[in-house]
Amino acid sequence: MTQVRDIMQKNVITIDHDKTALEGAVMLKEKDISFLVIIKDNKPSGIVSERDIVRKIAAENLTASSIKLEEIMSKKYKWVEPNTKVEFAVQKMINNNIRRLLVLENENLVGVITQTDLAEVLRSKLLINGTLENIESK
């Protein structure tokens, strides 16, 4: 059974909680990513996504340089531990209608798992199963 640690992204881009939404948006653009983990006192305190910036800043016609990330971040993020079974992580994402889960070990951020990671695992399993079926049918 595959565990989250086997598929998680270990290089998670983080930003300090007191940075502005503009600084966060610039980082999203420069790193070509869709979300940032907000850090306060060396621990994750929330998540900010491109969607948050669009809905909470751009759509409200606010000035991104005057809004702290802490004000717009999603504070109720979901998480799993590295030894969590992937199937459980998938169910947690579906049940909570979320696109990503933080991976925490002893309250420390060690990775993240996203819908994209899960799709890649599923694709690999389907390809492997298809190959095995082709071999068995010959």
N, C-alpha and C. Protein backbone atom coordinates (compact mmCIF):
# COMPACT_ATOMS: atom_id res chain seq x y z
N MET A 1 0.84 -1.18 0.00
CA MET A 1 0.00 0.00 0.00
C MET A 1 0.89 1.25 0.00
N THR A 2 0.67 2.13 -0.92
CA THR A 2 1.50 3.34 -1.06
C THR A 2 1.17 4.33 0.06
N GLN A 3 2.22 4.93 0.60
CA GLN A 3 2.06 5.94 1.64
C GLN A 3 2.30 7.33 1.05
N VAL A 4 1.79 8.32 1.75
CA VAL A 4 1.95 9.71 1.32
C VAL A 4 3.43 10.05 1.12
N ARG A 5 4.29 9.57 1.99
CA ARG A 5 5.72 9.90 1.88
C ARG A 5 6.32 9.46 0.55
N ASP A 6 5.70 8.45 -0.08
CA ASP A 6 6.20 7.94 -1.35
C ASP A 6 5.91 8.86 -2.53
N ILE A 7 4.91 9.71 -2.39
CA ILE A 7 4.51 10.55 -3.53
C ILE A 7 4.51 12.04 -3.22
N MET A 8 4.74 12.42 -1.96
CA MET A 8 4.66 13.84 -1.60
C MET A 8 5.79 14.64 -2.23
N GLN A 9 5.52 15.92 -2.42
CA GLN A 9 6.54 16.86 -2.85
C GLN A 9 7.26 17.36 -1.60
N LYS A 10 8.57 17.19 -1.55
CA LYS A 10 9.32 17.57 -0.34
C LYS A 10 9.77 19.02 -0.36
N ASN A 11 9.89 19.58 -1.55
CA ASN A 11 10.37 20.95 -1.69
C ASN A 11 9.15 21.90 -1.71
N VAL A 12 8.66 22.23 -0.53
CA VAL A 12 7.47 23.07 -0.41
C VAL A 12 7.90 24.53 -0.31
N ILE A 13 7.32 25.37 -1.14
CA ILE A 13 7.65 26.80 -1.11
C ILE A 13 6.83 27.45 -0.01
N THR A 14 7.53 28.14 0.88
CA THR A 14 6.88 28.80 2.02
C THR A 14 7.18 30.30 1.98
N ILE A 15 6.37 31.02 2.75
CA ILE A 15 6.56 32.47 2.88
C ILE A 15 6.12 32.88 4.27
N ASP A 16 6.75 33.88 4.81
CA ASP A 16 6.44 34.34 6.17
C ASP A 16 5.07 35.01 6.23
N HIS A 17 4.38 34.84 7.32
CA HIS A 17 3.01 35.33 7.50
C HIS A 17 2.86 36.84 7.38
N ASP A 18 3.91 37.59 7.65
CA ASP A 18 3.76 39.04 7.63
C ASP A 18 4.10 39.68 6.27
N LYS A 19 4.35 38.85 5.28
CA LYS A 19 4.58 39.38 3.92
C LYS A 19 3.25 39.82 3.32
N THR A 20 3.32 40.66 2.31
CA THR A 20 2.10 41.17 1.68
C THR A 20 1.59 40.22 0.60
N ALA A 21 0.34 40.42 0.23
CA ALA A 21 -0.25 39.64 -0.85
C ALA A 21 0.52 39.88 -2.15
N LEU A 22 1.01 41.09 -2.35
CA LEU A 22 1.81 41.39 -3.54
C LEU A 22 3.08 40.53 -3.55
N GLU A 23 3.77 40.47 -2.42
CA GLU A 23 4.98 39.65 -2.34
C GLU A 23 4.65 38.17 -2.59
N GLY A 24 3.53 37.72 -2.06
CA GLY A 24 3.10 36.34 -2.31
C GLY A 24 2.79 36.10 -3.76
N ALA A 25 2.08 37.04 -4.40
CA ALA A 25 1.72 36.90 -5.81
C ALA A 25 2.98 36.88 -6.69
N VAL A 26 3.94 37.71 -6.37
CA VAL A 26 5.20 37.74 -7.13
C VAL A 26 5.91 36.40 -6.99
N MET A 27 5.92 35.85 -5.77
CA MET A 27 6.58 34.56 -5.55
C MET A 27 5.87 33.45 -6.33
N LEU A 28 4.53 33.47 -6.33
CA LEU A 28 3.77 32.48 -7.10
C LEU A 28 4.16 32.54 -8.58
N LYS A 29 4.26 33.77 -9.10
CA LYS A 29 4.61 33.96 -10.50
C LYS A 29 6.04 33.50 -10.78
N GLU A 30 6.99 33.93 -9.95
CA GLU A 30 8.39 33.60 -10.17
C GLU A 30 8.66 32.10 -10.08
N LYS A 31 8.00 31.44 -9.15
CA LYS A 31 8.23 30.00 -8.94
C LYS A 31 7.31 29.15 -9.81
N ASP A 32 6.36 29.81 -10.50
CA ASP A 32 5.39 29.12 -11.36
C ASP A 32 4.65 28.02 -10.59
N ILE A 33 4.08 28.44 -9.44
CA ILE A 33 3.33 27.53 -8.58
C ILE A 33 1.95 28.13 -8.31
N SER A 34 1.07 27.33 -7.71
CA SER A 34 -0.30 27.79 -7.51
C SER A 34 -0.65 28.09 -6.06
N PHE A 35 0.25 27.79 -5.13
CA PHE A 35 -0.04 28.08 -3.72
C PHE A 35 1.25 28.22 -2.93
N LEU A 36 1.12 28.84 -1.77
CA LEU A 36 2.23 29.01 -0.83
C LEU A 36 1.77 28.55 0.55
N VAL A 37 2.68 27.96 1.30
CA VAL A 37 2.40 27.65 2.69
C VAL A 37 2.90 28.83 3.52
N ILE A 38 2.01 29.35 4.35
CA ILE A 38 2.34 30.49 5.20
C ILE A 38 2.95 29.97 6.50
N ILE A 39 4.09 30.54 6.88
CA ILE A 39 4.82 30.11 8.06
C ILE A 39 4.81 31.21 9.12
N LYS A 40 4.54 30.79 10.36
CA LYS A 40 4.62 31.69 11.51
C LYS A 40 5.28 30.92 12.64
N ASP A 41 6.30 31.48 13.23
CA ASP A 41 7.06 30.82 14.30
C ASP A 41 7.55 29.44 13.85
N ASN A 42 8.04 29.37 12.63
CA ASN A 42 8.61 28.15 12.04
C ASN A 42 7.62 27.00 11.89
N LYS A 43 6.33 27.29 11.93
CA LYS A 43 5.29 26.28 11.77
C LYS A 43 4.30 26.75 10.71
N PRO A 44 3.67 25.83 9.98
CA PRO A 44 2.64 26.25 9.02
C PRO A 44 1.45 26.86 9.75
N SER A 45 0.98 27.99 9.24
CA SER A 45 -0.19 28.63 9.86
C SER A 45 -1.33 28.80 8.87
N GLY A 46 -1.07 28.52 7.60
CA GLY A 46 -2.13 28.64 6.60
C GLY A 46 -1.59 28.41 5.20
N ILE A 47 -2.51 28.55 4.24
CA ILE A 47 -2.18 28.39 2.82
C ILE A 47 -2.80 29.54 2.05
N VAL A 48 -2.07 30.07 1.09
CA VAL A 48 -2.61 31.07 0.17
C VAL A 48 -2.44 30.53 -1.24
N SER A 49 -3.53 30.56 -1.99
CA SER A 49 -3.50 30.09 -3.37
C SER A 49 -3.73 31.25 -4.32
N GLU A 50 -3.49 30.99 -5.59
CA GLU A 50 -3.80 31.99 -6.61
C GLU A 50 -5.28 32.37 -6.51
N ARG A 51 -6.10 31.39 -6.26
CA ARG A 51 -7.54 31.60 -6.13
C ARG A 51 -7.86 32.59 -5.00
N ASP A 52 -7.16 32.46 -3.87
CA ASP A 52 -7.37 33.38 -2.75
C ASP A 52 -7.06 34.81 -3.17
N ILE A 53 -5.97 34.98 -3.90
CA ILE A 53 -5.55 36.32 -4.32
C ILE A 53 -6.58 36.92 -5.29
N VAL A 54 -7.07 36.10 -6.20
CA VAL A 54 -8.07 36.59 -7.16
C VAL A 54 -9.36 36.96 -6.43
N ARG A 55 -9.86 36.06 -5.62
CA ARG A 55 -11.16 36.28 -4.97
C ARG A 55 -11.14 37.32 -3.85
N LYS A 56 -10.06 37.34 -3.08
CA LYS A 56 -10.02 38.19 -1.89
C LYS A 56 -9.34 39.53 -2.11
N ILE A 57 -8.62 39.67 -3.21
CA ILE A 57 -7.92 40.94 -3.47
C ILE A 57 -8.37 41.53 -4.80
N ALA A 58 -8.09 40.83 -5.89
CA ALA A 58 -8.40 41.37 -7.22
C ALA A 58 -9.89 41.62 -7.41
N ALA A 59 -10.73 40.66 -7.06
CA ALA A 59 -12.17 40.80 -7.27
C ALA A 59 -12.78 41.86 -6.35
N GLU A 60 -12.10 42.17 -5.27
CA GLU A 60 -12.57 43.21 -4.35
C GLU A 60 -11.91 44.56 -4.64
N ASN A 61 -11.06 44.59 -5.66
CA ASN A 61 -10.35 45.80 -6.06
C ASN A 61 -9.53 46.39 -4.90
N LEU A 62 -8.85 45.50 -4.16
CA LEU A 62 -8.00 45.94 -3.06
C LEU A 62 -6.56 46.06 -3.54
N THR A 63 -5.74 46.74 -2.78
CA THR A 63 -4.34 46.92 -3.13
C THR A 63 -3.51 45.81 -2.49
N ALA A 64 -2.95 44.95 -3.31
CA ALA A 64 -2.22 43.78 -2.83
C ALA A 64 -1.04 44.15 -1.93
N SER A 65 -0.43 45.28 -2.17
CA SER A 65 0.73 45.67 -1.37
C SER A 65 0.34 46.13 0.04
N SER A 66 -0.95 46.33 0.28
CA SER A 66 -1.37 46.78 1.62
C SER A 66 -2.08 45.69 2.43
N ILE A 67 -2.17 44.49 1.86
CA ILE A 67 -2.84 43.38 2.53
C ILE A 67 -1.80 42.33 2.92
N LYS A 68 -1.79 41.95 4.18
CA LYS A 68 -0.89 40.90 4.64
C LYS A 68 -1.44 39.53 4.25
N LEU A 69 -0.56 38.61 3.94
CA LEU A 69 -0.98 37.26 3.59
C LEU A 69 -1.80 36.63 4.72
N GLU A 70 -1.44 36.95 5.93
CA GLU A 70 -2.14 36.44 7.11
C GLU A 70 -3.64 36.78 7.07
N GLU A 71 -3.99 37.90 6.42
CA GLU A 71 -5.38 38.34 6.34
C GLU A 71 -6.20 37.55 5.34
N ILE A 72 -5.55 36.97 4.34
CA ILE A 72 -6.30 36.29 3.28
C ILE A 72 -6.05 34.78 3.23
N MET A 73 -5.13 34.29 4.05
CA MET A 73 -4.81 32.87 3.98
C MET A 73 -5.94 32.01 4.52
N SER A 74 -5.97 30.78 4.06
CA SER A 74 -6.89 29.78 4.59
C SER A 74 -6.23 29.20 5.83
N LYS A 75 -6.83 29.46 6.98
CA LYS A 75 -6.24 29.03 8.24
C LYS A 75 -6.59 27.59 8.59
N LYS A 76 -7.69 27.10 8.06
CA LYS A 76 -8.13 25.75 8.39
C LYS A 76 -7.66 24.75 7.34
N TYR A 77 -6.36 24.70 7.15
CA TYR A 77 -5.80 23.76 6.18
C TYR A 77 -5.90 22.34 6.74
N LYS A 78 -5.90 21.39 5.84
CA LYS A 78 -5.93 19.97 6.21
C LYS A 78 -4.53 19.39 6.04
N TRP A 79 -4.26 18.36 6.82
CA TRP A 79 -2.94 17.74 6.77
C TRP A 79 -3.01 16.26 7.07
N VAL A 80 -1.94 15.59 6.70
CA VAL A 80 -1.75 14.17 6.99
C VAL A 80 -0.31 13.96 7.42
N GLU A 81 -0.03 12.78 7.94
CA GLU A 81 1.33 12.41 8.30
C GLU A 81 1.97 11.64 7.14
N PRO A 82 3.30 11.58 7.08
CA PRO A 82 3.97 10.91 5.97
C PRO A 82 3.59 9.43 5.81
N ASN A 83 3.26 8.76 6.92
CA ASN A 83 2.95 7.33 6.85
C ASN A 83 1.47 7.06 6.55
N THR A 84 0.71 8.09 6.26
CA THR A 84 -0.70 7.94 5.90
C THR A 84 -0.82 7.22 4.56
N LYS A 85 -1.76 6.31 4.46
CA LYS A 85 -2.00 5.62 3.19
C LYS A 85 -2.57 6.61 2.19
N VAL A 86 -2.12 6.52 0.95
CA VAL A 86 -2.56 7.44 -0.10
C VAL A 86 -4.09 7.41 -0.24
N GLU A 87 -4.68 6.23 -0.11
CA GLU A 87 -6.13 6.12 -0.24
C GLU A 87 -6.85 6.98 0.80
N PHE A 88 -6.31 7.03 2.02
CA PHE A 88 -6.90 7.86 3.08
C PHE A 88 -6.75 9.34 2.73
N ALA A 89 -5.58 9.72 2.21
CA ALA A 89 -5.33 11.11 1.82
C ALA A 89 -6.30 11.54 0.73
N VAL A 90 -6.52 10.65 -0.26
CA VAL A 90 -7.46 10.95 -1.34
C VAL A 90 -8.86 11.17 -0.76
N GLN A 91 -9.27 10.29 0.13
CA GLN A 91 -10.61 10.41 0.73
C GLN A 91 -10.73 11.72 1.51
N LYS A 92 -9.68 12.11 2.21
CA LYS A 92 -9.69 13.36 2.97
C LYS A 92 -9.84 14.56 2.04
N MET A 93 -9.15 14.51 0.91
CA MET A 93 -9.24 15.60 -0.06
C MET A 93 -10.65 15.67 -0.67
N ILE A 94 -11.21 14.53 -1.00
CA ILE A 94 -12.55 14.50 -1.58
C ILE A 94 -13.58 14.97 -0.57
N ASN A 95 -13.50 14.45 0.65
CA ASN A 95 -14.47 14.80 1.69
C ASN A 95 -14.46 16.29 2.02
N ASN A 96 -13.30 16.91 1.91
CA ASN A 96 -13.16 18.33 2.26
C ASN A 96 -13.13 19.24 1.04
N ASN A 97 -13.27 18.66 -0.16
CA ASN A 97 -13.27 19.42 -1.40
C ASN A 97 -12.05 20.34 -1.50
N ILE A 98 -10.88 19.74 -1.31
CA ILE A 98 -9.63 20.52 -1.34
C ILE A 98 -8.68 19.95 -2.38
N ARG A 99 -7.73 20.76 -2.79
CA ARG A 99 -6.80 20.39 -3.85
C ARG A 99 -5.43 19.96 -3.34
N ARG A 100 -5.17 20.21 -2.06
CA ARG A 100 -3.84 19.91 -1.52
C ARG A 100 -3.92 19.61 -0.03
N LEU A 101 -2.98 18.80 0.42
CA LEU A 101 -2.84 18.47 1.84
C LEU A 101 -1.40 18.73 2.25
N LEU A 102 -1.23 19.38 3.38
CA LEU A 102 0.12 19.50 3.92
C LEU A 102 0.49 18.17 4.55
N VAL A 103 1.78 17.88 4.57
CA VAL A 103 2.27 16.68 5.22
C VAL A 103 3.12 17.16 6.40
N LEU A 104 2.65 16.83 7.61
CA LEU A 104 3.31 17.27 8.83
C LEU A 104 3.82 16.06 9.61
N GLU A 105 5.00 16.24 10.18
CA GLU A 105 5.57 15.23 11.07
C GLU A 105 6.02 15.96 12.32
N ASN A 106 5.44 15.61 13.46
CA ASN A 106 5.70 16.31 14.72
C ASN A 106 5.47 17.82 14.58
N GLU A 107 4.39 18.17 13.91
CA GLU A 107 3.96 19.55 13.67
C GLU A 107 4.87 20.32 12.71
N ASN A 108 5.87 19.67 12.16
CA ASN A 108 6.79 20.31 11.21
C ASN A 108 6.39 19.95 9.78
N LEU A 109 6.47 20.94 8.91
CA LEU A 109 6.15 20.74 7.50
C LEU A 109 7.24 19.92 6.83
N VAL A 110 6.85 18.76 6.26
CA VAL A 110 7.84 17.92 5.58
C VAL A 110 7.49 17.70 4.12
N GLY A 111 6.28 18.14 3.71
CA GLY A 111 5.90 17.96 2.32
C GLY A 111 4.48 18.41 2.06
N VAL A 112 4.05 18.17 0.83
CA VAL A 112 2.69 18.48 0.42
C VAL A 112 2.28 17.45 -0.62
N ILE A 113 1.01 17.14 -0.64
CA ILE A 113 0.47 16.24 -1.65
C ILE A 113 -0.68 16.97 -2.33
N THR A 114 -0.68 16.96 -3.66
CA THR A 114 -1.68 17.70 -4.43
C THR A 114 -2.47 16.77 -5.34
N GLN A 115 -3.53 17.31 -5.90
CA GLN A 115 -4.31 16.56 -6.88
C GLN A 115 -3.42 16.09 -8.03
N THR A 116 -2.49 16.93 -8.43
CA THR A 116 -1.59 16.57 -9.53
C THR A 116 -0.74 15.36 -9.16
N ASP A 117 -0.22 15.33 -7.93
CA ASP A 117 0.56 14.18 -7.48
C ASP A 117 -0.28 12.91 -7.54
N LEU A 118 -1.51 13.01 -7.08
CA LEU A 118 -2.40 11.85 -7.08
C LEU A 118 -2.73 11.40 -8.50
N ALA A 119 -2.94 12.34 -9.39
CA ALA A 119 -3.22 11.99 -10.79
C ALA A 119 -2.03 11.27 -11.41
N GLU A 120 -0.82 11.70 -11.09
CA GLU A 120 0.37 11.05 -11.63
C GLU A 120 0.51 9.62 -11.12
N VAL A 121 0.19 9.41 -9.84
CA VAL A 121 0.24 8.06 -9.28
C VAL A 121 -0.79 7.18 -9.95
N LEU A 122 -2.00 7.69 -10.11
CA LEU A 122 -3.06 6.94 -10.76
C LEU A 122 -2.68 6.59 -12.19
N ARG A 123 -2.13 7.56 -12.90
CA ARG A 123 -1.71 7.33 -14.29
C ARG A 123 -0.66 6.22 -14.35
N SER A 124 0.32 6.27 -13.44
CA SER A 124 1.37 5.24 -13.41
C SER A 124 0.77 3.87 -13.14
N LYS A 125 -0.14 3.81 -12.18
CA LYS A 125 -0.76 2.52 -11.86
C LYS A 125 -1.57 1.99 -13.03
N LEU A 126 -2.28 2.87 -13.72
CA LEU A 126 -3.06 2.45 -14.88
C LEU A 126 -2.15 1.95 -16.00
N LEU A 127 -1.03 2.63 -16.22
CA LEU A 127 -0.08 2.19 -17.24
C LEU A 127 0.53 0.84 -16.89
N ILE A 128 0.89 0.67 -15.63
CA ILE A 128 1.46 -0.60 -15.18
C ILE A 128 0.44 -1.71 -15.33
N ASN A 129 -0.79 -1.46 -14.88
CA ASN A 129 -1.84 -2.47 -14.99
C ASN A 129 -2.12 -2.82 -16.46
N GLY A 130 -2.13 -1.81 -17.32
CA GLY A 130 -2.35 -2.04 -18.75
C GLY A 130 -1.24 -2.88 -19.36
N THR A 131 0.00 -2.60 -18.95
CA THR A 131 1.14 -3.35 -19.45
C THR A 131 1.06 -4.80 -18.98
N LEU A 132 0.71 -5.01 -17.71
CA LEU A 132 0.58 -6.36 -17.18
C LEU A 132 -0.52 -7.13 -17.90
N GLU A 133 -1.63 -6.46 -18.18
CA GLU A 133 -2.72 -7.10 -18.91
C GLU A 133 -2.28 -7.50 -20.31
N ASN A 134 -1.51 -6.64 -20.96
CA ASN A 134 -1.00 -6.96 -22.31
C ASN A 134 -0.07 -8.16 -22.27
N ILE A 135 0.79 -8.21 -21.25
CA ILE A 135 1.74 -9.32 -21.13
C ILE A 135 0.97 -10.62 -20.88
N GLU A 136 -0.01 -10.55 -19.98
CA GLU A 136 -0.77 -11.74 -19.62
C GLU A 136 -1.61 -12.25 -20.79
N SER A 137 -2.07 -11.37 -21.65
CA SER A 137 -2.93 -11.79 -22.77
C SER A 137 -2.12 -12.39 -23.91
N LYS A 138 -0.81 -12.24 -23.89
CA LYS A 138 0.03 -12.77 -24.99
C LYS A 138 0.42 -14.18 -24.75
